[in-house]
């Protein structure tokens, strides 16, 4: 984690010596959907205590193929540029691509019905 934070600080022209890298792993969680696990209805920006089992990167390990296919469709290129691996399943590429296009079209029409700007 320190290596990546140093890269971010360098990019932002911030002094990494002002950051406590040892305290980072135990710092509170802010803006995470972890708050839903505590029974809260809304995501908020208040700090909540980081639990021992907090692992936002590992959440996707419990997803089924449908969730991985949709996530890869939406964020796959960015995901790989950030150094994460996509979870790919073999076969049916054409069907999954058609399924994702259909969901994109459905989403665009839903937004148009609500009066919001469509994505395309």
N, C-alpha and C. Protein backbone atom coordinates (compact mmCIF):
# COMPACT_ATOMS: atom_id res chain seq x y z
N UNK A 1 0.82 -1.19 0.00
CA UNK A 1 0.00 0.00 0.00
C UNK A 1 0.87 1.26 0.00
N UNK A 2 1.98 1.23 0.73
CA UNK A 2 2.82 2.42 0.80
C UNK A 2 3.36 2.80 -0.58
N UNK A 3 3.76 1.81 -1.33
CA UNK A 3 4.31 2.07 -2.67
C UNK A 3 3.28 2.80 -3.55
N UNK A 4 2.03 2.35 -3.50
CA UNK A 4 0.99 2.97 -4.32
C UNK A 4 0.67 4.37 -3.81
N UNK A 5 0.61 4.55 -2.51
CA UNK A 5 0.37 5.89 -1.96
C UNK A 5 1.49 6.85 -2.34
N UNK A 6 2.72 6.39 -2.32
CA UNK A 6 3.83 7.25 -2.73
C UNK A 6 3.70 7.67 -4.19
N UNK A 7 3.24 6.76 -5.03
CA UNK A 7 3.02 7.10 -6.44
C UNK A 7 1.93 8.17 -6.57
N UNK A 8 0.87 8.02 -5.78
CA UNK A 8 -0.23 9.00 -5.81
C UNK A 8 0.26 10.36 -5.32
N UNK A 9 1.00 10.37 -4.20
CA UNK A 9 1.53 11.62 -3.67
C UNK A 9 2.45 12.30 -4.68
N UNK A 10 3.28 11.52 -5.34
CA UNK A 10 4.18 12.07 -6.35
C UNK A 10 3.39 12.70 -7.49
N UNK A 11 2.37 11.99 -7.96
CA UNK A 11 1.53 12.50 -9.04
C UNK A 11 0.86 13.82 -8.64
N UNK A 12 0.43 13.91 -7.39
CA UNK A 12 -0.26 15.11 -6.89
C UNK A 12 0.70 16.17 -6.37
N UNK A 13 2.00 15.91 -6.46
CA UNK A 13 3.05 16.81 -5.97
C UNK A 13 2.86 17.11 -4.48
N UNK A 14 2.57 16.06 -3.71
CA UNK A 14 2.41 16.17 -2.26
C UNK A 14 3.62 15.55 -1.57
N UNK A 15 3.94 16.04 -0.40
CA UNK A 15 5.07 15.56 0.36
C UNK A 15 4.69 14.28 1.12
N UNK A 16 5.24 13.12 0.75
CA UNK A 16 4.89 11.87 1.43
C UNK A 16 5.39 11.80 2.87
N UNK A 17 6.33 12.65 3.22
CA UNK A 17 6.87 12.64 4.58
C UNK A 17 5.87 13.17 5.61
N UNK A 18 4.81 13.80 5.15
CA UNK A 18 3.79 14.32 6.06
C UNK A 18 2.69 13.29 6.33
N UNK A 19 2.81 12.12 5.73
CA UNK A 19 1.79 11.09 5.86
C UNK A 19 2.30 9.96 6.75
N UNK A 20 1.46 9.49 7.64
CA UNK A 20 1.82 8.40 8.55
C UNK A 20 1.41 7.07 7.91
N UNK A 21 2.33 6.45 7.21
CA UNK A 21 2.05 5.20 6.51
C UNK A 21 1.72 4.05 7.46
N UNK A 22 2.29 4.07 8.66
CA UNK A 22 2.02 3.00 9.64
C UNK A 22 0.59 3.08 10.18
N UNK A 23 0.02 4.28 10.24
CA UNK A 23 -1.33 4.44 10.78
C UNK A 23 -2.41 4.14 9.73
N UNK A 24 -2.06 4.19 8.47
CA UNK A 24 -3.04 4.04 7.39
C UNK A 24 -3.86 2.75 7.47
N UNK A 25 -3.25 1.58 7.70
CA UNK A 25 -4.06 0.36 7.72
C UNK A 25 -5.11 0.30 8.81
N UNK A 26 -4.96 1.08 9.86
CA UNK A 26 -5.96 1.06 10.94
C UNK A 26 -6.82 2.32 10.97
N UNK A 27 -6.70 3.15 9.96
CA UNK A 27 -7.49 4.38 9.93
C UNK A 27 -8.97 4.07 9.68
N UNK A 28 -9.87 4.95 10.11
CA UNK A 28 -11.30 4.71 9.89
C UNK A 28 -11.64 4.66 8.40
N UNK A 29 -12.77 4.06 8.11
CA UNK A 29 -13.26 3.94 6.74
C UNK A 29 -14.24 5.07 6.48
N UNK A 30 -14.06 5.77 5.37
CA UNK A 30 -14.93 6.89 5.02
C UNK A 30 -15.47 6.67 3.62
N UNK A 31 -16.80 6.75 3.47
CA UNK A 31 -17.43 6.67 2.16
C UNK A 31 -17.51 5.27 1.58
N UNK A 32 -17.55 4.27 2.40
CA UNK A 32 -17.61 2.89 1.92
C UNK A 32 -19.01 2.34 2.11
N UNK A 33 -19.36 1.39 1.26
CA UNK A 33 -20.66 0.74 1.45
C UNK A 33 -20.61 -0.22 2.64
N UNK A 34 -19.50 -0.26 3.34
CA UNK A 34 -19.41 -1.04 4.57
C UNK A 34 -20.46 -0.57 5.56
N UNK A 35 -20.85 0.70 5.48
CA UNK A 35 -21.84 1.21 6.42
C UNK A 35 -23.16 0.46 6.32
N UNK A 36 -23.44 -0.10 5.15
CA UNK A 36 -24.67 -0.87 4.99
C UNK A 36 -24.64 -2.15 5.82
N UNK A 37 -23.47 -2.68 6.04
CA UNK A 37 -23.36 -3.90 6.84
C UNK A 37 -23.68 -3.62 8.30
N UNK A 38 -23.58 -2.38 8.72
CA UNK A 38 -23.91 -2.03 10.10
C UNK A 38 -25.37 -1.67 10.24
N UNK A 39 -26.15 -1.86 9.17
CA UNK A 39 -27.59 -1.62 9.23
C UNK A 39 -28.02 -0.25 8.78
N UNK A 40 -27.10 0.57 8.34
CA UNK A 40 -27.47 1.91 7.88
C UNK A 40 -28.04 1.83 6.48
N UNK A 41 -29.00 2.69 6.17
CA UNK A 41 -29.67 2.65 4.87
C UNK A 41 -28.91 3.42 3.80
N UNK A 42 -28.27 4.48 4.17
CA UNK A 42 -27.61 5.36 3.21
C UNK A 42 -26.08 5.29 3.36
N UNK A 43 -25.40 5.47 2.26
CA UNK A 43 -23.94 5.62 2.33
C UNK A 43 -23.67 7.06 2.76
N UNK A 44 -22.76 7.23 3.68
CA UNK A 44 -22.46 8.56 4.21
C UNK A 44 -20.95 8.78 4.20
N UNK A 45 -20.54 9.96 4.57
CA UNK A 45 -19.12 10.31 4.57
C UNK A 45 -18.58 10.44 5.99
N UNK A 46 -19.29 9.88 6.95
CA UNK A 46 -18.80 9.86 8.33
C UNK A 46 -17.85 8.69 8.50
N UNK A 47 -16.83 8.89 9.31
CA UNK A 47 -15.86 7.81 9.56
C UNK A 47 -16.50 6.70 10.39
N UNK A 48 -16.24 5.45 9.98
CA UNK A 48 -16.66 4.31 10.78
C UNK A 48 -15.42 3.48 11.09
N UNK A 49 -15.45 2.81 12.21
CA UNK A 49 -14.29 2.01 12.63
C UNK A 49 -14.04 0.87 11.63
N UNK A 50 -12.78 0.70 11.29
CA UNK A 50 -12.37 -0.37 10.37
C UNK A 50 -12.35 -1.68 11.16
N UNK A 51 -13.10 -2.67 10.66
CA UNK A 51 -13.11 -3.97 11.33
C UNK A 51 -11.99 -4.84 10.79
N UNK A 52 -11.70 -5.92 11.48
CA UNK A 52 -10.64 -6.83 11.07
C UNK A 52 -10.94 -7.48 9.71
N UNK A 53 -12.22 -7.70 9.42
CA UNK A 53 -12.57 -8.37 8.17
C UNK A 53 -12.84 -7.39 7.01
N UNK A 54 -12.50 -6.11 7.18
CA UNK A 54 -12.67 -5.13 6.12
C UNK A 54 -11.74 -5.48 4.95
N UNK A 55 -12.33 -5.79 3.81
CA UNK A 55 -11.55 -6.18 2.64
C UNK A 55 -12.34 -5.81 1.38
N UNK A 56 -12.38 -4.53 1.02
CA UNK A 56 -13.21 -4.12 -0.12
C UNK A 56 -12.79 -4.76 -1.44
N UNK A 57 -11.51 -5.04 -1.61
CA UNK A 57 -11.05 -5.67 -2.86
C UNK A 57 -11.54 -7.11 -2.95
N UNK A 58 -11.69 -7.78 -1.82
CA UNK A 58 -12.11 -9.17 -1.82
C UNK A 58 -13.61 -9.39 -1.95
N UNK A 59 -14.40 -8.31 -1.90
CA UNK A 59 -15.86 -8.47 -2.01
C UNK A 59 -16.28 -9.18 -3.29
N UNK A 60 -15.60 -8.87 -4.36
CA UNK A 60 -15.99 -9.43 -5.66
C UNK A 60 -15.77 -10.93 -5.73
N UNK A 61 -15.01 -11.50 -4.81
CA UNK A 61 -14.77 -12.94 -4.85
C UNK A 61 -16.05 -13.73 -4.59
N UNK A 62 -17.05 -13.08 -4.02
CA UNK A 62 -18.32 -13.75 -3.73
C UNK A 62 -19.35 -13.56 -4.85
N UNK A 63 -19.01 -12.77 -5.85
CA UNK A 63 -19.94 -12.53 -6.95
C UNK A 63 -20.05 -13.74 -7.85
N UNK A 64 -21.21 -13.85 -8.51
CA UNK A 64 -21.41 -14.86 -9.54
C UNK A 64 -20.95 -14.32 -10.89
N UNK A 65 -21.07 -15.16 -11.90
CA UNK A 65 -20.59 -14.77 -13.23
C UNK A 65 -21.30 -13.52 -13.74
N UNK A 66 -22.60 -13.43 -13.51
CA UNK A 66 -23.37 -12.29 -14.02
C UNK A 66 -22.80 -10.96 -13.52
N UNK A 67 -22.49 -10.90 -12.24
CA UNK A 67 -21.93 -9.67 -11.67
C UNK A 67 -20.55 -9.38 -12.24
N UNK A 68 -19.72 -10.42 -12.38
CA UNK A 68 -18.38 -10.21 -12.95
C UNK A 68 -18.46 -9.76 -14.40
N UNK A 69 -19.36 -10.33 -15.17
CA UNK A 69 -19.50 -9.94 -16.58
C UNK A 69 -19.91 -8.47 -16.69
N UNK A 70 -20.85 -8.05 -15.86
CA UNK A 70 -21.31 -6.67 -15.91
C UNK A 70 -20.22 -5.71 -15.44
N UNK A 71 -19.55 -6.07 -14.35
CA UNK A 71 -18.48 -5.23 -13.82
C UNK A 71 -17.35 -5.09 -14.84
N UNK A 72 -16.95 -6.21 -15.46
CA UNK A 72 -15.90 -6.16 -16.47
C UNK A 72 -16.32 -5.29 -17.65
N UNK A 73 -17.58 -5.36 -18.02
CA UNK A 73 -18.09 -4.57 -19.14
C UNK A 73 -17.98 -3.08 -18.83
N UNK A 74 -18.36 -2.71 -17.62
CA UNK A 74 -18.39 -1.30 -17.24
C UNK A 74 -16.99 -0.77 -16.87
N UNK A 75 -16.24 -1.54 -16.11
CA UNK A 75 -15.00 -1.02 -15.54
C UNK A 75 -13.75 -1.79 -15.93
N UNK A 76 -13.88 -2.76 -16.80
CA UNK A 76 -12.77 -3.66 -17.10
C UNK A 76 -11.48 -2.99 -17.53
N UNK A 77 -11.54 -2.06 -18.49
CA UNK A 77 -10.32 -1.40 -18.96
C UNK A 77 -9.67 -0.58 -17.85
N UNK A 78 -10.48 0.18 -17.12
CA UNK A 78 -9.95 0.97 -16.01
C UNK A 78 -9.39 0.07 -14.91
N UNK A 79 -10.08 -1.03 -14.66
CA UNK A 79 -9.66 -1.99 -13.65
C UNK A 79 -8.25 -2.48 -13.94
N UNK A 80 -8.01 -2.86 -15.18
CA UNK A 80 -6.69 -3.37 -15.56
C UNK A 80 -5.63 -2.27 -15.52
N UNK A 81 -6.00 -1.05 -15.90
CA UNK A 81 -5.04 0.06 -15.84
C UNK A 81 -4.64 0.38 -14.41
N UNK A 82 -5.52 0.08 -13.47
CA UNK A 82 -5.22 0.30 -12.05
C UNK A 82 -4.49 -0.89 -11.43
N UNK A 83 -4.21 -1.90 -12.24
CA UNK A 83 -3.41 -3.03 -11.78
C UNK A 83 -4.18 -4.21 -11.24
N UNK A 84 -5.51 -4.22 -11.41
CA UNK A 84 -6.31 -5.34 -10.95
C UNK A 84 -6.58 -6.28 -12.12
N UNK A 85 -6.83 -7.53 -11.80
CA UNK A 85 -7.15 -8.50 -12.83
C UNK A 85 -8.65 -8.69 -12.93
N UNK A 86 -9.14 -8.81 -14.17
CA UNK A 86 -10.54 -9.14 -14.37
C UNK A 86 -10.72 -10.63 -14.14
N UNK A 87 -11.86 -11.00 -13.59
CA UNK A 87 -12.18 -12.42 -13.48
C UNK A 87 -12.97 -12.79 -14.72
N UNK A 88 -12.36 -13.54 -15.59
CA UNK A 88 -12.99 -13.93 -16.84
C UNK A 88 -13.39 -15.39 -16.80
N UNK A 89 -14.55 -15.66 -17.35
CA UNK A 89 -15.03 -17.04 -17.48
C UNK A 89 -15.01 -17.40 -18.96
N UNK A 90 -14.70 -18.62 -19.27
CA UNK A 90 -14.63 -19.01 -20.68
C UNK A 90 -16.01 -19.17 -21.32
N UNK A 91 -16.04 -18.96 -22.62
CA UNK A 91 -17.24 -19.25 -23.41
C UNK A 91 -18.32 -18.18 -23.40
N UNK A 92 -19.16 -18.26 -24.41
CA UNK A 92 -20.35 -17.41 -24.56
C UNK A 92 -20.05 -15.92 -24.60
N UNK A 93 -18.91 -15.51 -25.13
CA UNK A 93 -18.55 -14.09 -25.19
C UNK A 93 -19.61 -13.28 -25.91
N UNK A 94 -20.06 -13.77 -27.06
CA UNK A 94 -21.05 -13.04 -27.85
C UNK A 94 -22.33 -12.82 -27.06
N UNK A 95 -22.80 -13.86 -26.38
CA UNK A 95 -24.04 -13.73 -25.59
C UNK A 95 -23.88 -12.74 -24.44
N UNK A 96 -22.75 -12.78 -23.76
CA UNK A 96 -22.53 -11.85 -22.66
C UNK A 96 -22.41 -10.41 -23.18
N UNK A 97 -21.77 -10.23 -24.31
CA UNK A 97 -21.67 -8.89 -24.90
C UNK A 97 -23.05 -8.37 -25.28
N UNK A 98 -23.87 -9.21 -25.87
CA UNK A 98 -25.25 -8.81 -26.22
C UNK A 98 -26.05 -8.48 -24.96
N UNK A 99 -25.88 -9.28 -23.93
CA UNK A 99 -26.58 -9.04 -22.66
C UNK A 99 -26.19 -7.68 -22.09
N UNK A 100 -24.91 -7.35 -22.12
CA UNK A 100 -24.45 -6.06 -21.60
C UNK A 100 -24.95 -4.89 -22.45
N UNK A 101 -24.96 -5.04 -23.76
CA UNK A 101 -25.50 -3.97 -24.62
C UNK A 101 -26.98 -3.77 -24.31
N UNK A 102 -27.72 -4.86 -24.14
CA UNK A 102 -29.14 -4.75 -23.81
C UNK A 102 -29.34 -4.00 -22.49
N UNK A 103 -28.51 -4.30 -21.49
CA UNK A 103 -28.61 -3.59 -20.21
C UNK A 103 -28.27 -2.11 -20.36
N UNK A 104 -27.28 -1.80 -21.20
CA UNK A 104 -26.93 -0.40 -21.46
C UNK A 104 -28.09 0.35 -22.10
N UNK A 105 -28.73 -0.28 -23.08
CA UNK A 105 -29.87 0.34 -23.76
C UNK A 105 -31.02 0.54 -22.79
N UNK A 106 -31.30 -0.48 -21.99
CA UNK A 106 -32.37 -0.38 -20.99
C UNK A 106 -32.10 0.77 -20.02
N UNK A 107 -30.86 0.89 -19.58
CA UNK A 107 -30.48 1.96 -18.66
C UNK A 107 -30.67 3.33 -19.31
N UNK A 108 -30.28 3.45 -20.58
CA UNK A 108 -30.42 4.72 -21.28
C UNK A 108 -31.89 5.11 -21.40
N UNK A 109 -32.75 4.16 -21.74
CA UNK A 109 -34.18 4.46 -21.86
C UNK A 109 -34.79 4.81 -20.51
N UNK A 110 -34.36 4.13 -19.47
CA UNK A 110 -34.84 4.45 -18.12
C UNK A 110 -34.48 5.88 -17.76
N UNK A 111 -33.26 6.29 -18.07
CA UNK A 111 -32.83 7.65 -17.78
C UNK A 111 -33.61 8.66 -18.61
N UNK A 112 -33.88 8.34 -19.84
CA UNK A 112 -34.68 9.24 -20.68
C UNK A 112 -36.09 9.39 -20.12
N UNK A 113 -36.68 8.29 -19.67
CA UNK A 113 -38.01 8.34 -19.08
C UNK A 113 -38.04 9.22 -17.83
N UNK A 114 -36.97 9.18 -17.08
CA UNK A 114 -36.89 9.97 -15.84
C UNK A 114 -36.48 11.41 -16.11
N UNK A 115 -36.13 11.70 -17.36
CA UNK A 115 -35.74 13.06 -17.70
C UNK A 115 -34.29 13.37 -17.47
N UNK A 116 -33.48 12.35 -17.21
CA UNK A 116 -32.04 12.57 -17.04
C UNK A 116 -31.34 12.28 -18.34
N UNK A 117 -30.14 12.79 -18.46
CA UNK A 117 -29.37 12.63 -19.67
C UNK A 117 -28.90 11.18 -19.85
N UNK A 118 -29.11 10.62 -21.03
CA UNK A 118 -28.67 9.27 -21.32
C UNK A 118 -27.15 9.24 -21.46
N UNK A 119 -26.57 8.06 -21.33
CA UNK A 119 -25.12 7.92 -21.41
C UNK A 119 -24.59 7.96 -22.83
N UNK A 120 -25.44 7.76 -23.82
CA UNK A 120 -24.94 7.80 -25.20
C UNK A 120 -25.86 8.63 -26.05
